Protein backbone atom coordinates (compact mmCIF):
# COMPACT_ATOMS: atom_id res chain seq x y z
CA MET A 1 16.01 66.79 21.63
CA ALA A 2 18.39 65.51 24.30
CA ALA A 3 19.58 67.66 27.20
CA GLY A 4 22.49 66.71 29.41
CA SER A 5 24.45 65.78 31.20
CA ILE A 6 21.82 66.69 33.76
CA PHE A 7 23.74 65.12 36.66
CA PRO A 8 27.30 63.81 37.05
CA THR A 9 27.75 60.56 35.15
CA THR A 10 30.39 57.87 34.84
CA THR A 11 29.13 56.88 31.39
CA LYS A 12 30.55 59.91 29.58
CA ALA A 13 33.77 61.19 31.10
CA GLY A 14 34.19 64.94 30.96
CA ALA A 15 30.52 65.72 30.34
CA THR A 16 29.44 69.16 31.50
CA VAL A 17 26.74 68.97 34.17
CA VAL A 18 23.90 71.38 33.40
CA GLY A 19 21.25 70.43 35.98
CA PRO A 20 17.46 70.28 35.67
CA ALA A 21 17.30 74.06 35.12
CA ALA A 22 18.65 73.46 31.61
CA ILE A 23 15.54 71.44 30.81
CA ARG A 24 13.31 74.33 31.87
CA ALA A 25 15.31 76.74 29.70
CA ILE A 26 15.23 74.44 26.68
CA LYS A 27 11.49 73.84 27.03
CA GLN A 28 10.90 77.58 26.69
CA LEU A 29 12.73 77.58 23.35
CA VAL A 30 11.52 74.43 21.59
CA SER A 31 8.23 72.70 20.86
CA VAL A 32 9.65 69.18 20.49
CA PRO A 33 9.92 66.57 23.23
CA VAL A 34 13.01 66.86 25.44
CA ALA A 35 14.91 63.83 26.73
CA ALA A 36 17.03 64.24 29.85
CA ILE A 37 20.27 62.27 29.90
CA GLY A 38 23.24 61.90 32.19
CA GLY A 39 23.45 60.58 35.73
CA ILE A 40 19.74 59.91 36.02
CA ASN A 41 18.62 57.40 38.63
CA ALA A 42 15.61 56.62 40.82
CA GLY A 43 16.60 59.32 43.27
CA ASN A 44 16.57 62.17 40.76
CA ILE A 45 14.43 60.99 37.85
CA GLY A 46 11.40 62.82 39.21
CA SER A 47 13.20 66.15 39.10
CA VAL A 48 13.84 65.92 35.34
CA ILE A 49 10.20 65.10 34.66
CA GLU A 50 9.07 67.93 36.93
CA ALA A 51 11.47 70.24 35.05
CA GLY A 52 9.61 69.41 31.82
CA ALA A 53 11.45 66.49 30.23
CA GLU A 54 9.13 64.08 28.46
CA LEU A 55 11.76 61.34 28.49
CA ALA A 56 14.54 60.24 30.82
CA CYS A 57 17.45 58.19 29.52
CA VAL A 58 19.15 55.86 31.97
CA ILE A 59 21.96 53.35 31.68
CA SER A 60 23.71 52.55 34.95
CA ALA A 61 20.62 53.01 37.11
CA ALA A 62 19.05 50.12 35.22
CA VAL A 63 21.76 47.78 34.00
CA ALA A 64 24.00 48.03 37.07
CA ALA A 65 21.15 47.32 39.49
CA ASP A 66 21.09 44.01 41.34
CA ASP A 67 17.47 43.64 40.25
CA VAL A 68 17.09 45.34 36.87
CA GLU A 69 13.34 44.83 36.69
CA ALA A 70 12.75 46.25 40.17
CA ALA A 71 14.99 49.25 39.44
CA CYS A 72 13.12 50.00 36.22
CA ARG A 73 9.73 49.57 37.85
CA GLU A 74 10.74 52.02 40.58
CA MET A 75 11.88 54.59 38.04
CA VAL A 76 8.63 54.20 36.10
CA ARG A 77 6.68 54.68 39.35
CA ARG A 78 8.58 57.88 40.07
CA ILE A 79 8.11 59.15 36.51
CA ARG A 80 4.36 58.62 36.79
CA GLU A 81 4.28 60.29 40.19
CA SER A 82 6.17 63.32 38.88
CA SER A 83 4.14 63.47 35.67
CA ALA A 84 0.97 63.70 37.74
CA LYS A 85 2.41 66.77 39.49
CA ASN A 86 2.89 68.46 36.11
CA GLN A 87 -0.75 68.06 35.11
C-alpha cells in the first residue's frame, strides 16, 4: 500500500501533503507493507521509516542528484540507520 504525498513534491502537482503521521495511522489499520511516497529525500527518509513505512519511493532525490550513486547510497544508509531504531 502506498501512502502520500508524505512531504511536498514537485513530481505530482496538487498532491495533498499528509506527513509521516499518516503512515503511523495506516500501519494501525493494515497488515500489508506500506510504501511512503512524495517529497522523500535524504533529509527526511529516516522519518518515514521510523513512522513504520517498509519502503520509501524517491524520484528527484535520486535522479536529480549530481551523483546519483552517492545520493542513493546515502539514502540507503539512512534507511538502515532508522530501521535499526525500530527494532
